[in-house]
């Protein structure tokens, strides 16, 4: 009986089972911790990757927008730059330069070059367009066409006003500064085109934007009274005679009506705030009516 009891005892078996259960429990616990740590690390690793992708996407969008804006600007100017940096320099004011950069990185040096390129091209245009004009008339026409106001008009027509790059200035100062340097920016663009595409490219740009202005100046090139007198002398007529027809208005703000007479021609009248101003208007009226050259259209 004792031998049978020993054969069927379960104590050793239970003693072995307990440690195994404990070992199994202890073994599973570390694995669970590792899994959690691994998941956390994976999540942390994904976060910066998403940020990097976002930053990269924004940079690409910004670069794309800049490229599109640059292409649109080139289209308005009518010249595609092999070196886009020249165009950017031409529209950059000194105030927009980052610390450490030289003033030469702004539009100023290009303006100097463009001013002289413009003068050369326009001089050539005038020489061929007005073969009968003397040096004095050509000089007056040149001065009118290359003045800052004329350059600013061209820049406005090309939509360059909002393209100018300025630094941190007040909104009102910003607007005034843009307008005041608009003519300079136009000359700088001419200089940039000259450096990028040579004389032919600059010549094409100037002719495209100045030919109509050359034939229709903003202001009379010569005093209309002088033009009318020279025309009359060329026709064998006496010197034009100006006479006051009427004076109206208060003493401090009079208005004069003046007529100009030439034999064989109908009188022409003009009104102005002074006799001289009224005489000029009267002369201009007769010049236009008789088709006299040497005024606005030469």
Protein backbone atom coordinates (compact mmCIF):
# COMPACT_ATOMS: atom_id res chain seq x y z
CA UNK A 1 0.00 0.00 0.00
CA UNK A 2 2.84 2.38 0.79
CA UNK A 3 4.37 1.73 -2.63
CA UNK A 4 1.08 2.51 -4.37
CA UNK A 5 0.69 5.78 -2.42
CA UNK A 6 4.09 6.90 -3.51
CA UNK A 7 3.35 6.04 -7.13
CA UNK A 8 0.25 8.20 -7.30
CA UNK A 9 1.46 11.26 -5.38
CA UNK A 10 1.09 14.57 -7.23
CA UNK A 11 3.29 16.79 -5.06
CA UNK A 12 6.33 16.82 -7.36
CA UNK A 13 4.17 17.61 -10.32
CA UNK A 14 2.47 20.57 -8.55
CA UNK A 15 5.83 21.79 -7.34
CA UNK A 16 7.10 21.92 -10.91
CA UNK A 17 3.96 23.50 -12.30
CA UNK A 18 4.08 26.50 -9.97
CA UNK A 19 7.47 27.78 -11.04
CA UNK A 20 6.53 27.35 -14.69
CA UNK A 21 3.41 29.47 -14.14
CA UNK A 22 5.45 32.16 -12.43
CA UNK A 23 8.08 32.03 -15.14
CA UNK A 24 5.45 32.32 -17.80
CA UNK A 25 3.95 35.31 -16.04
CA UNK A 26 7.34 36.98 -15.62
CA UNK A 27 8.25 36.30 -19.23
CA UNK A 28 5.03 37.78 -20.66
CA UNK A 29 5.31 41.01 -18.63
CA UNK A 30 8.59 42.24 -20.22
CA UNK A 31 7.30 41.48 -23.71
CA UNK A 32 4.27 43.63 -23.12
CA UNK A 33 6.46 46.54 -21.93
CA UNK A 34 8.72 46.19 -24.94
CA UNK A 35 5.78 46.24 -27.28
CA UNK A 36 4.48 49.42 -25.63
CA UNK A 37 7.89 51.08 -25.81
CA UNK A 38 8.23 50.09 -29.45
CA UNK A 39 4.83 51.55 -30.32
CA UNK A 40 5.69 54.82 -28.56
CA UNK A 41 8.98 55.12 -30.40
CA UNK A 42 7.29 54.40 -33.71
CA UNK A 43 4.70 57.10 -33.03
CA UNK A 44 7.42 59.58 -32.05
CA UNK A 45 9.37 58.74 -35.16
CA UNK A 46 6.36 59.40 -37.39
CA UNK A 47 5.61 62.86 -35.93
CA UNK A 48 8.75 64.69 -37.17
CA UNK A 49 8.44 62.93 -40.49
CA UNK A 50 5.00 64.46 -40.94
CA UNK A 51 6.36 67.89 -39.96
CA UNK A 52 9.21 67.54 -42.43
CA UNK A 53 6.81 66.62 -45.17
CA UNK A 54 4.64 69.65 -44.31
CA UNK A 55 7.58 72.03 -44.35
CA UNK A 56 8.81 70.54 -47.59
CA UNK A 57 5.37 70.94 -49.15
CA UNK A 58 5.16 74.59 -48.07
CA UNK A 59 8.61 75.28 -49.47
CA UNK A 60 7.65 73.72 -52.78
CA UNK A 61 4.43 75.73 -52.92
CA UNK A 62 6.33 78.91 -52.16
CA UNK A 63 8.95 78.17 -54.83
CA UNK A 64 6.21 77.38 -57.35
CA UNK A 65 4.37 80.64 -56.59
CA UNK A 66 7.61 82.62 -56.94
CA UNK A 67 8.38 80.94 -60.27
CA UNK A 68 4.89 81.72 -61.58
CA UNK A 69 5.13 85.35 -60.46
CA UNK A 70 8.53 85.68 -62.10
CA UNK A 71 7.24 84.17 -65.35
CA UNK A 72 4.29 86.58 -65.33
CA UNK A 73 6.64 89.53 -64.78
CA UNK A 74 8.88 88.41 -67.66
CA UNK A 75 5.82 88.09 -69.90
CA UNK A 76 4.78 91.67 -69.14
CA UNK A 77 8.29 92.93 -69.75
CA UNK A 78 8.60 90.88 -72.93
CA UNK A 79 11.97 89.29 -72.15
CA UNK A 80 12.73 85.87 -70.71
CA UNK A 81 15.83 86.10 -68.54
CA UNK A 82 18.59 83.53 -68.75
CA UNK A 83 19.67 84.89 -65.36
CA UNK A 84 16.50 85.64 -63.32
CA UNK A 85 18.65 87.14 -60.56
CA UNK A 86 19.22 90.19 -62.76
CA UNK A 87 15.50 90.88 -62.91
CA UNK A 88 15.16 90.42 -59.14
CA UNK A 89 18.02 92.85 -58.57
CA UNK A 90 16.41 95.39 -60.91
CA UNK A 91 13.22 95.56 -58.81
CA UNK A 92 14.89 95.45 -55.37
CA UNK A 93 15.19 98.64 -53.32
CA UNK A 94 18.07 99.17 -50.89
CA UNK A 95 15.66 98.90 -47.95
CA UNK A 96 14.87 95.29 -48.88
CA UNK A 97 18.47 94.10 -48.66
CA UNK A 98 19.34 91.80 -45.78
CA UNK A 99 22.12 92.81 -43.42
CA UNK A 100 25.53 92.12 -44.87
CA UNK A 101 24.50 92.66 -48.48
CA UNK A 102 25.94 95.57 -50.46
CA UNK A 103 23.98 98.46 -51.97
CA UNK A 104 25.18 97.19 -55.33
CA UNK A 105 22.80 94.25 -54.90
CA UNK A 106 19.88 96.67 -55.28
CA UNK A 107 18.60 98.30 -58.48
CA UNK A 108 21.00 101.26 -58.33
CA UNK A 109 23.89 100.02 -60.48
CA UNK A 110 21.49 98.62 -63.07
CA UNK A 111 19.69 101.97 -63.14
CA UNK A 112 22.95 103.72 -64.03
CA UNK A 113 23.52 101.32 -66.91
CA UNK A 114 19.92 101.36 -68.10
CA UNK A 115 19.82 105.18 -68.15
CA UNK A 116 22.63 105.28 -70.70
CA UNK A 117 21.32 102.37 -72.74
CA UNK A 118 17.93 104.11 -72.95
CA UNK A 119 19.57 107.37 -74.06
CA UNK A 120 21.52 105.60 -76.82
CA UNK A 121 18.54 103.67 -78.19
CA UNK A 122 16.17 106.66 -78.11
CA UNK A 123 18.80 108.91 -79.75
CA UNK A 124 19.08 106.40 -82.60
CA UNK A 125 15.28 106.23 -82.89
CA UNK A 126 14.98 110.03 -83.08
CA UNK A 127 17.82 110.38 -85.59
CA UNK A 128 16.06 108.09 -88.05
CA UNK A 129 12.46 109.16 -87.32
CA UNK A 130 13.06 112.92 -87.79
CA UNK A 131 15.59 113.38 -90.61
CA UNK A 132 14.81 117.10 -90.95
CA UNK A 133 15.11 117.97 -87.25
CA UNK A 134 18.18 119.88 -86.14
CA UNK A 135 20.34 119.07 -83.12
CA UNK A 136 18.38 121.41 -80.87
CA UNK A 137 15.01 119.80 -81.63
CA UNK A 138 16.45 116.28 -81.31
CA UNK A 139 17.92 117.18 -77.93
CA UNK A 140 14.57 118.50 -76.68
CA UNK A 141 12.80 115.38 -77.88
CA UNK A 142 15.42 113.17 -76.24
CA UNK A 143 15.15 115.01 -72.92
CA UNK A 144 11.36 114.57 -72.94
CA UNK A 145 11.51 110.85 -73.70
CA UNK A 146 14.17 109.83 -71.17
CA UNK A 147 12.98 111.97 -68.25
CA UNK A 148 11.97 110.10 -65.07
CA UNK A 149 8.28 110.84 -65.60
CA UNK A 150 8.35 109.17 -69.01
CA UNK A 151 10.15 106.14 -67.61
CA UNK A 152 7.62 105.96 -64.77
CA UNK A 153 4.77 105.98 -67.30
CA UNK A 154 6.33 103.01 -69.09
CA UNK A 155 6.78 101.17 -65.78
CA UNK A 156 3.13 101.77 -64.89
CA UNK A 157 1.98 100.48 -68.26
CA UNK A 158 3.95 97.29 -67.60
CA UNK A 159 2.45 96.90 -64.13
CA UNK A 160 5.79 97.16 -62.31
CA UNK A 161 4.46 99.25 -59.42
CA UNK A 162 3.51 96.29 -57.21
CA UNK A 163 6.56 94.22 -58.18
CA UNK A 164 9.04 96.53 -56.43
CA UNK A 165 10.63 94.84 -53.41
CA UNK A 166 10.84 97.15 -50.39
CA UNK A 167 11.98 96.66 -46.80
CA UNK A 168 10.01 97.42 -43.65
CA UNK A 169 8.47 100.85 -44.17
CA UNK A 170 5.12 102.33 -43.25
CA UNK A 171 2.22 101.80 -45.64
CA UNK A 172 2.03 105.47 -46.65
CA UNK A 173 5.81 105.70 -47.04
CA UNK A 174 5.69 102.45 -48.97
CA UNK A 175 3.27 103.86 -51.53
CA UNK A 176 5.20 107.13 -51.90
CA UNK A 177 8.51 105.32 -52.27
CA UNK A 178 7.18 103.00 -54.94
CA UNK A 179 5.98 105.93 -57.03
CA UNK A 180 9.13 107.99 -56.50
CA UNK A 181 11.49 105.23 -57.67
CA UNK A 182 9.27 103.84 -60.43
CA UNK A 183 11.24 105.60 -63.17
CA UNK A 184 14.52 104.37 -61.68
CA UNK A 185 13.20 100.80 -61.60
CA UNK A 186 12.27 101.05 -65.27
CA UNK A 187 15.82 102.09 -66.16
CA UNK A 188 17.18 99.27 -63.98
CA UNK A 189 15.04 96.77 -65.90
CA UNK A 190 16.52 98.10 -69.15
CA UNK A 191 20.01 97.62 -67.70
CA UNK A 192 19.13 94.07 -66.64
CA UNK A 193 17.80 93.23 -70.11
CA UNK A 194 20.96 94.68 -71.67
CA UNK A 195 23.21 92.52 -69.48
CA UNK A 196 21.08 89.41 -69.98
CA UNK A 197 20.27 89.64 -73.69
CA UNK A 198 22.66 92.22 -75.11
CA UNK A 199 21.99 95.39 -77.10
CA UNK A 200 19.47 93.72 -79.42
CA UNK A 201 17.19 92.72 -76.52
CA UNK A 202 17.40 96.17 -74.90
CA UNK A 203 16.82 97.86 -78.26
CA UNK A 204 13.68 95.77 -78.82
CA UNK A 205 12.32 96.58 -75.36
CA UNK A 206 12.86 100.34 -75.72
CA UNK A 207 11.41 100.53 -79.22
CA UNK A 208 8.35 98.54 -78.16
CA UNK A 209 7.62 100.92 -75.29
CA UNK A 210 8.86 104.29 -76.59
CA UNK A 211 7.96 104.45 -80.29
CA UNK A 212 4.41 105.70 -79.77
CA UNK A 213 5.59 108.14 -77.12
CA UNK A 214 8.22 109.42 -79.51
CA UNK A 215 5.58 110.43 -82.06
CA UNK A 216 3.16 111.78 -79.44
CA UNK A 217 5.12 113.67 -76.75
CA UNK A 218 3.32 114.54 -73.53
CA UNK A 219 4.32 118.19 -73.75
CA UNK A 220 4.89 120.64 -76.63
CA UNK A 221 8.54 120.52 -77.55
CA UNK A 222 8.67 124.15 -78.58
CA UNK A 223 6.78 127.30 -77.67
CA UNK A 224 3.74 127.41 -79.98
CA UNK A 225 4.15 131.14 -80.56
CA UNK A 226 7.69 130.52 -81.84
CA UNK A 227 6.52 127.68 -84.06
CA UNK A 228 3.72 129.79 -85.55
CA UNK A 229 6.04 132.75 -86.15
CA UNK A 230 8.65 130.61 -87.92
CA UNK A 231 5.96 128.98 -90.04
CA UNK A 232 4.52 132.39 -90.97
CA UNK A 233 7.97 133.67 -91.97
CA UNK A 234 8.49 130.59 -94.09
CA UNK A 235 5.25 131.37 -95.88
CA UNK A 236 6.28 135.00 -96.44
CA UNK A 237 3.72 136.24 -93.95
CA UNK A 238 4.25 138.97 -91.34
CA UNK A 239 4.69 138.26 -87.66
CA UNK A 240 1.46 137.04 -86.03
CA UNK A 241 -0.46 139.72 -84.15
CA UNK A 242 -2.08 138.92 -80.77
CA UNK A 243 -4.97 141.04 -79.44
CA UNK A 244 -6.99 140.85 -76.27
CA UNK A 245 -10.61 140.13 -77.07
CA UNK A 246 -12.07 139.90 -73.59
CA UNK A 247 -11.15 139.90 -69.93
CA UNK A 248 -13.47 138.33 -67.38
CA UNK A 249 -13.44 137.20 -63.77
CA UNK A 250 -12.36 138.93 -60.55
CA UNK A 251 -9.19 140.96 -60.32
CA UNK A 252 -7.35 138.27 -58.36
CA UNK A 253 -8.33 135.50 -60.82
CA UNK A 254 -8.84 136.96 -64.31
CA UNK A 255 -9.50 135.04 -67.50
CA UNK A 256 -8.19 136.42 -70.81
CA UNK A 257 -9.52 135.70 -74.29
CA UNK A 258 -6.89 136.44 -76.93
CA UNK A 259 -7.00 136.15 -80.73
CA UNK A 260 -4.07 135.72 -83.11
CA UNK A 261 -4.24 137.19 -86.63
CA UNK A 262 -2.35 136.38 -89.81
CA UNK A 263 -3.24 137.80 -93.25
CA UNK A 264 -5.35 135.43 -95.31
CA UNK A 265 -6.20 133.19 -92.33
CA UNK A 266 -9.12 133.05 -89.96
CA UNK A 267 -8.23 134.34 -86.48
CA UNK A 268 -7.71 131.74 -83.78
CA UNK A 269 -8.63 132.31 -80.15
CA UNK A 270 -7.38 131.01 -76.82
CA UNK A 271 -8.31 131.47 -73.16
CA UNK A 272 -5.88 131.52 -70.21
CA UNK A 273 -5.23 132.87 -66.75
CA UNK A 274 -2.75 135.38 -68.21
CA UNK A 275 -2.33 137.10 -71.56
CA UNK A 276 0.76 135.02 -72.35
CA UNK A 277 -1.03 131.77 -71.54
CA UNK A 278 -3.98 132.78 -73.71
CA UNK A 279 -1.64 133.73 -76.56
CA UNK A 280 -0.01 130.28 -76.43
CA UNK A 281 -3.39 128.60 -76.59
CA UNK A 282 -4.42 130.76 -79.55
CA UNK A 283 -1.18 129.94 -81.37
CA UNK A 284 -1.67 126.22 -80.66
CA UNK A 285 -5.22 126.39 -82.07
CA UNK A 286 -3.97 127.96 -85.32
CA UNK A 287 -1.05 125.50 -85.53
CA UNK A 288 -3.38 122.52 -85.24
CA UNK A 289 -5.94 123.98 -87.62
CA UNK A 290 -3.39 124.80 -90.31
CA UNK A 291 -1.44 121.54 -89.87
CA UNK A 292 1.75 123.35 -88.95
CA UNK A 293 4.74 121.08 -88.18
CA UNK A 294 7.31 121.54 -85.42
CA UNK A 295 4.90 121.29 -82.49
CA UNK A 296 3.97 118.02 -80.92
CA UNK A 297 4.44 115.88 -83.98
CA UNK A 298 7.45 117.61 -85.57
